[in-house]
């Protein structure tokens, strides 16, 4: 007797996971932190291009790029620090402290310039380390810690310079050994064929590229966003919060040192009262570029766009022939417009699917 034929059982179908919702290209672009600043930068560029004929020439554009780079170099570090949830109000005077340290000691001891270029870097990194260490150990807000550093460095800059030279400026160091080579590195001009720019523009773009790579392509970048978003949660999953914060303060100090070296080798002498107020400009550039004051959001590229907006505004007012007495009013209006556009675009992006 033959066995009854059996019908093969059909394999049960596993329910498929829902496909991820794909956002449009426009929606993905609008979620970038710097997109609002880009829109504002385009508007400001078109405005000055239309009303100021001098703004349209390549030499003028090179001047705009230089003005942008002098803000943008330090603004990169400030943006990374703000993404990490902290502020540094001593960055402006730290620039001058680094330059003074290199100029005063080198001139008094007749040393090769490169000796104190390196040693002034150690001084700058030490300032950043102290700021970061005090913030993570005392839990005092970085606003207060770095404000204290600001006042101390301001007094040291003026007091030491006056005691050493009898004036508020350093002696001219252009005749010291190593000066020409250092000037080529920190303050030379680069001919790109169609335009000649100061080397700070090249360094600025390089620092922006490095900062963007660190934020978007490395584990350290994830740590920075995590620390700025919620330090307690980041600590709970193993992020070395103190090391990240101290490292970010030292990053700001490094870039402040670099710009300080540019000032020294570009002008051969340094005024001890320089840099006061620039710390707010660095923060403004970062905020205009999309960094949140609460931390955890922003980009290095956005800070670069914010610095470019500042450079266009400062030089555009000159090229347009506006009364310079209205400079800060016009600058404030341009920056407010940039912030409002940035906020509008960001809110639009978060509600768009």
Protein backbone atom coordinates (compact mmCIF):
# COMPACT_ATOMS: atom_id res chain seq x y z
CA UNK A 1 0.00 0.00 0.00
CA UNK A 2 1.49 3.21 -1.07
CA UNK A 3 1.76 6.07 1.32
CA UNK A 4 -0.39 9.09 0.63
CA UNK A 5 1.26 11.90 -1.19
CA UNK A 6 2.13 14.80 1.05
CA UNK A 7 1.86 18.37 0.01
CA UNK A 8 5.10 20.20 0.65
CA UNK A 9 4.72 22.89 3.24
CA UNK A 10 5.32 26.44 2.10
CA UNK A 11 8.02 28.27 4.06
CA UNK A 12 6.59 30.97 6.22
CA UNK A 13 7.31 34.46 5.02
CA UNK A 14 9.28 36.65 7.37
CA UNK A 15 7.74 40.12 7.58
CA UNK A 16 9.98 42.60 5.90
CA UNK A 17 11.31 45.53 7.88
CA UNK A 18 9.85 48.81 6.75
CA UNK A 19 12.05 50.59 4.29
CA UNK A 20 13.74 53.68 5.71
CA UNK A 21 12.09 56.90 4.75
CA UNK A 22 14.19 58.59 2.12
CA UNK A 23 14.37 62.32 2.39
CA UNK A 24 14.67 64.49 -0.67
CA UNK A 25 17.99 66.02 -1.63
CA UNK A 26 16.67 69.46 -0.72
CA UNK A 27 15.69 68.24 2.75
CA UNK A 28 19.11 66.66 3.35
CA UNK A 29 20.87 69.83 2.24
CA UNK A 30 18.73 72.05 4.44
CA UNK A 31 19.56 70.02 7.55
CA UNK A 32 23.22 70.98 7.28
CA UNK A 33 24.21 73.46 10.06
CA UNK A 34 25.95 75.84 7.68
CA UNK A 35 23.23 76.13 5.02
CA UNK A 36 21.66 79.23 6.55
CA UNK A 37 25.02 80.97 6.66
CA UNK A 38 25.64 80.04 3.01
CA UNK A 39 22.35 81.67 2.01
CA UNK A 40 23.23 84.79 3.99
CA UNK A 41 26.76 84.88 2.53
CA UNK A 42 25.35 84.75 -1.00
CA UNK A 43 22.95 87.60 -0.22
CA UNK A 44 25.71 89.76 1.27
CA UNK A 45 28.05 89.00 -1.63
CA UNK A 46 25.39 89.96 -4.20
CA UNK A 47 24.63 93.16 -2.26
CA UNK A 48 28.21 94.43 -2.24
CA UNK A 49 28.89 93.15 -5.74
CA UNK A 50 25.97 95.24 -6.99
CA UNK A 51 26.72 98.52 -5.20
CA UNK A 52 30.53 98.55 -4.95
CA UNK A 53 32.46 98.30 -8.26
CA UNK A 54 35.76 97.93 -6.36
CA UNK A 55 34.36 94.80 -4.70
CA UNK A 56 34.29 93.03 -8.08
CA UNK A 57 38.04 92.93 -8.71
CA UNK A 58 40.31 90.00 -7.86
CA UNK A 59 42.71 92.06 -5.68
CA UNK A 60 39.70 93.21 -3.64
CA UNK A 61 38.50 89.64 -3.32
CA UNK A 62 41.97 88.68 -2.07
CA UNK A 63 41.60 91.37 0.59
CA UNK A 64 38.21 89.94 1.59
CA UNK A 65 39.72 86.46 1.86
CA UNK A 66 42.55 87.78 4.01
CA UNK A 67 40.16 89.57 6.38
CA UNK A 68 38.09 86.39 6.57
CA UNK A 69 41.11 84.21 7.31
CA UNK A 70 42.25 86.39 10.22
CA UNK A 71 38.93 85.62 11.91
CA UNK A 72 38.37 82.17 10.47
CA UNK A 73 41.56 80.53 11.72
CA UNK A 74 40.66 80.92 15.40
CA UNK A 75 36.93 80.58 14.69
CA UNK A 76 37.50 76.96 13.61
CA UNK A 77 38.74 76.04 17.08
CA UNK A 78 36.05 78.14 18.76
CA UNK A 79 33.38 76.32 16.72
CA UNK A 80 34.70 72.89 17.75
CA UNK A 81 34.74 74.06 21.38
CA UNK A 82 31.16 75.35 21.13
CA UNK A 83 30.01 72.08 19.60
CA UNK A 84 31.60 70.48 22.67
CA UNK A 85 29.43 72.71 24.85
CA UNK A 86 32.00 75.28 26.08
CA UNK A 87 33.16 78.87 25.45
CA UNK A 88 36.56 80.55 25.49
CA UNK A 89 36.53 84.29 26.15
CA UNK A 90 40.33 84.42 26.38
CA UNK A 91 41.00 83.48 22.76
CA UNK A 92 41.43 87.08 21.59
CA UNK A 93 44.08 88.04 24.13
CA UNK A 94 45.71 84.60 23.84
CA UNK A 95 46.61 85.54 20.27
CA UNK A 96 48.58 88.55 21.51
CA UNK A 97 50.07 86.67 24.48
CA UNK A 98 51.61 84.15 22.07
CA UNK A 99 53.01 86.88 19.82
CA UNK A 100 54.40 88.88 22.74
CA UNK A 101 56.03 85.81 24.28
CA UNK A 102 57.86 85.11 21.02
CA UNK A 103 58.85 88.72 20.35
CA UNK A 104 59.94 89.90 23.79
CA UNK A 105 62.11 86.96 24.80
CA UNK A 106 63.67 86.49 21.37
CA UNK A 107 64.61 90.16 21.08
CA UNK A 108 65.95 90.48 24.62
CA UNK A 109 68.13 87.37 24.32
CA UNK A 110 68.98 87.79 20.61
CA UNK A 111 67.81 84.25 19.85
CA UNK A 112 66.81 82.69 16.58
CA UNK A 113 63.11 83.43 15.99
CA UNK A 114 62.23 79.75 15.63
CA UNK A 115 63.31 79.05 19.21
CA UNK A 116 60.53 81.10 20.69
CA UNK A 117 58.08 80.29 17.94
CA UNK A 118 58.17 76.77 19.37
CA UNK A 119 58.34 77.85 23.02
CA UNK A 120 55.45 80.30 22.58
CA UNK A 121 53.42 77.36 21.28
CA UNK A 122 54.09 75.60 24.57
CA UNK A 123 52.95 78.73 26.42
CA UNK A 124 49.75 78.86 24.37
CA UNK A 125 48.96 75.18 24.85
CA UNK A 126 49.58 75.64 28.58
CA UNK A 127 46.95 78.39 28.69
CA UNK A 128 44.47 76.13 26.93
CA UNK A 129 45.24 73.24 29.24
CA UNK A 130 44.74 75.36 32.35
CA UNK A 131 41.41 76.67 31.04
CA UNK A 132 40.17 73.17 30.25
CA UNK A 133 41.49 71.61 33.45
CA UNK A 134 39.82 74.23 35.63
CA UNK A 135 36.53 73.83 33.78
CA UNK A 136 36.37 70.03 34.15
CA UNK A 137 37.71 69.94 37.72
CA UNK A 138 35.83 72.83 39.30
CA UNK A 139 32.60 72.54 37.25
CA UNK A 140 32.61 76.34 37.08
CA UNK A 141 31.09 77.49 33.76
CA UNK A 142 33.73 78.05 31.10
CA UNK A 143 32.34 81.55 30.59
CA UNK A 144 33.63 82.55 34.04
CA UNK A 145 36.88 80.60 33.91
CA UNK A 146 37.94 82.05 30.57
CA UNK A 147 36.70 85.52 31.46
CA UNK A 148 39.09 85.41 34.41
CA UNK A 149 41.86 84.25 32.07
CA UNK A 150 41.00 87.10 29.73
CA UNK A 151 41.54 89.74 32.42
CA UNK A 152 44.73 88.13 33.71
CA UNK A 153 46.28 87.83 30.25
CA UNK A 154 45.25 91.36 29.37
CA UNK A 155 47.06 92.68 32.43
CA UNK A 156 50.10 90.47 31.85
CA UNK A 157 50.35 91.56 28.21
CA UNK A 158 50.34 95.24 29.11
CA UNK A 159 52.41 95.01 32.29
CA UNK A 160 55.22 92.79 30.99
CA UNK A 161 55.53 94.69 27.71
CA UNK A 162 55.69 98.07 29.47
CA UNK A 163 58.22 96.77 32.00
CA UNK A 164 60.41 95.25 29.29
CA UNK A 165 60.34 97.84 26.54
CA UNK A 166 59.09 100.98 28.29
CA UNK A 167 56.24 101.19 25.78
CA UNK A 168 53.09 99.20 24.96
CA UNK A 169 54.66 97.59 21.89
CA UNK A 170 57.53 95.21 21.23
CA UNK A 171 60.67 96.19 19.37
CA UNK A 172 60.97 95.45 15.66
CA UNK A 173 62.23 91.87 15.32
CA UNK A 174 62.62 91.76 11.53
CA UNK A 175 66.41 91.77 11.81
CA UNK A 176 66.69 88.64 13.95
CA UNK A 177 67.84 85.28 12.64
CA UNK A 178 65.08 83.08 11.30
CA UNK A 179 62.68 85.94 10.68
CA UNK A 180 62.50 85.64 6.85
CA UNK A 181 61.80 81.90 6.96
CA UNK A 182 59.18 82.27 9.67
CA UNK A 183 57.55 85.13 7.78
CA UNK A 184 57.24 82.92 4.71
CA UNK A 185 55.44 80.27 6.77
CA UNK A 186 53.11 82.52 8.76
CA UNK A 187 52.71 85.71 6.73
CA UNK A 188 54.00 85.20 3.18
CA UNK A 189 52.07 85.69 -0.05
CA UNK A 190 51.09 82.85 -2.37
CA UNK A 191 50.59 83.38 -6.10
CA UNK A 192 47.82 81.11 -7.33
CA UNK A 193 48.21 82.24 -10.93
CA UNK A 194 44.98 84.22 -11.21
CA UNK A 195 45.17 85.80 -7.75
CA UNK A 196 47.74 86.43 -5.02
CA UNK A 197 46.60 85.74 -1.47
CA UNK A 198 48.21 85.83 1.92
CA UNK A 199 49.27 82.39 3.13
CA UNK A 200 46.82 82.70 6.03
CA UNK A 201 44.05 82.00 3.51
CA UNK A 202 45.67 78.66 2.62
CA UNK A 203 46.21 77.78 6.28
CA UNK A 204 42.63 78.78 7.08
CA UNK A 205 41.17 76.47 4.44
CA UNK A 206 43.48 73.67 5.59
CA UNK A 207 42.35 74.04 9.21
CA UNK A 208 38.70 74.05 8.11
CA UNK A 209 39.29 70.84 6.14
CA UNK A 210 41.00 69.19 9.11
CA UNK A 211 38.26 70.31 11.50
CA UNK A 212 35.54 69.01 9.18
CA UNK A 213 37.33 65.68 8.78
CA UNK A 214 37.70 65.28 12.54
CA UNK A 215 34.03 66.08 13.17
CA UNK A 216 32.55 63.94 10.41
CA UNK A 217 34.98 61.07 9.92
CA UNK A 218 36.60 60.25 13.25
CA UNK A 219 35.65 58.83 16.63
CA UNK A 220 36.86 62.03 18.26
CA UNK A 221 34.28 63.94 16.23
CA UNK A 222 31.52 61.70 17.58
CA UNK A 223 32.84 62.32 21.07
CA UNK A 224 32.74 66.11 20.55
CA UNK A 225 29.10 66.03 19.45
CA UNK A 226 28.20 63.66 22.29
CA UNK A 227 29.91 65.77 24.95
CA UNK A 228 28.22 68.93 23.71
CA UNK A 229 24.82 67.27 23.43
CA UNK A 230 24.78 65.64 26.87
CA UNK A 231 28.01 65.23 28.82
CA UNK A 232 26.47 62.86 31.39
CA UNK A 233 25.11 60.51 28.75
CA UNK A 234 28.42 60.64 26.88
CA UNK A 235 30.30 59.76 30.07
CA UNK A 236 27.91 56.84 30.69
CA UNK A 237 28.82 55.24 27.34
CA UNK A 238 32.56 55.59 27.86
CA UNK A 239 33.40 58.92 26.25
CA UNK A 240 36.43 60.51 28.01
CA UNK A 241 34.64 63.80 28.65
CA UNK A 242 37.47 65.59 30.56
CA UNK A 243 40.06 64.73 27.91
CA UNK A 244 37.75 65.89 25.11
CA UNK A 245 37.03 69.22 26.76
CA UNK A 246 40.66 69.91 27.68
CA UNK A 247 41.72 68.94 24.15
CA UNK A 248 39.20 71.38 22.66
CA UNK A 249 40.48 74.26 24.80
CA UNK A 250 44.03 73.41 23.72
CA UNK A 251 42.87 73.35 20.09
CA UNK A 252 41.60 76.92 20.45
CA UNK A 253 44.92 77.93 22.02
CA UNK A 254 46.87 76.32 19.19
CA UNK A 255 44.96 78.27 16.54
CA UNK A 256 45.25 81.46 18.63
CA UNK A 257 49.03 80.87 18.71
CA UNK A 258 49.09 80.39 14.96
CA UNK A 259 47.30 83.67 14.32
CA UNK A 260 49.56 85.36 16.87
CA UNK A 261 52.58 84.24 14.86
CA UNK A 262 51.01 85.74 11.76
CA UNK A 263 50.57 89.10 13.49
CA UNK A 264 54.17 89.07 14.68
CA UNK A 265 55.74 88.18 11.34
CA UNK A 266 53.37 90.28 9.27
CA UNK A 267 54.01 93.51 11.18
CA UNK A 268 57.40 92.74 12.83
CA UNK A 269 56.09 94.23 16.07
CA UNK A 270 53.07 93.64 18.31
CA UNK A 271 50.90 96.06 20.26
CA UNK A 272 50.12 94.61 23.69
CA UNK A 273 46.54 95.92 23.64
CA UNK A 274 45.52 94.07 20.47
CA UNK A 275 43.00 91.25 20.45
CA UNK A 276 40.55 92.68 22.97
CA UNK A 277 37.03 92.03 21.69
CA UNK A 278 38.04 89.55 18.99
CA UNK A 279 36.86 86.65 21.13
CA UNK A 280 33.28 87.79 20.54
CA UNK A 281 33.87 87.98 16.79
CA UNK A 282 35.13 84.39 16.78
CA UNK A 283 32.01 83.28 18.66
CA UNK A 284 29.78 85.30 16.32
CA UNK A 285 31.39 83.65 13.29
CA UNK A 286 30.71 80.22 14.78
CA UNK A 287 27.11 81.07 15.71
CA UNK A 288 26.36 82.58 12.31
CA UNK A 289 27.82 79.41 10.81
CA UNK A 290 25.27 77.25 12.62
CA UNK A 291 26.79 76.42 16.01
CA UNK A 292 24.26 76.35 18.84
CA UNK A 293 25.03 78.16 22.08
CA UNK A 294 23.79 75.05 23.89
CA UNK A 295 26.38 72.79 22.22
CA UNK A 296 26.10 69.54 20.29
CA UNK A 297 25.43 71.09 16.89
CA UNK A 298 27.47 72.93 14.28
CA UNK A 299 30.33 72.52 11.82
CA UNK A 300 33.79 73.81 11.03
CA UNK A 301 32.68 74.72 7.52
CA UNK A 302 29.88 76.82 8.97
CA UNK A 303 32.36 78.79 11.07
CA UNK A 304 34.36 79.40 7.88
CA UNK A 305 31.27 80.79 6.16
CA UNK A 306 30.59 82.96 9.20
CA UNK A 307 34.13 84.33 9.02
CA UNK A 308 33.68 84.95 5.29
CA UNK A 309 30.52 86.95 6.04
CA UNK A 310 32.53 89.07 8.48
CA UNK A 311 35.32 89.56 5.94
CA UNK A 312 32.89 90.60 3.21
CA UNK A 313 31.12 93.02 5.53
CA UNK A 314 34.23 94.72 6.87
CA UNK A 315 35.79 95.17 3.45
CA UNK A 316 32.54 95.74 1.58
CA UNK A 317 31.76 98.79 3.71
CA UNK A 318 35.11 100.27 2.71
CA UNK A 319 34.71 99.45 -0.99
CA UNK A 320 31.16 100.84 -1.01
CA UNK A 321 32.37 104.12 0.48
CA UNK A 322 30.02 104.01 3.46
CA UNK A 323 30.69 106.22 6.47
CA UNK A 324 32.89 104.02 8.71
CA UNK A 325 31.10 105.44 11.76
CA UNK A 326 28.18 103.21 10.78
CA UNK A 327 30.43 100.16 10.56
CA UNK A 328 29.27 98.30 13.65
CA UNK A 329 25.62 99.16 13.02
CA UNK A 330 25.83 97.76 9.52
CA UNK A 331 27.86 94.77 10.70
CA UNK A 332 25.33 94.02 13.43
CA UNK A 333 22.47 94.18 10.92
CA UNK A 334 24.26 91.83 8.54
CA UNK A 335 25.04 89.36 11.31
CA UNK A 336 21.48 89.51 12.67
CA UNK A 337 20.16 88.83 9.18
CA UNK A 338 22.48 85.86 8.89
CA UNK A 339 21.30 84.44 12.21
CA UNK A 340 17.63 84.91 11.30
CA UNK A 341 18.07 83.24 7.92
CA UNK A 342 19.99 80.42 9.57
CA UNK A 343 17.23 79.91 12.16
CA UNK A 344 14.47 80.00 9.54
CA UNK A 345 16.17 77.49 7.26
CA UNK A 346 16.96 75.17 10.18
CA UNK A 347 13.35 75.21 11.43
CA UNK A 348 12.09 74.62 7.91
CA UNK A 349 14.42 71.66 7.50
CA UNK A 350 13.31 69.99 10.76
CA UNK A 351 9.63 70.05 9.71
CA UNK A 352 10.23 68.93 6.13
CA UNK A 353 10.00 65.25 5.17
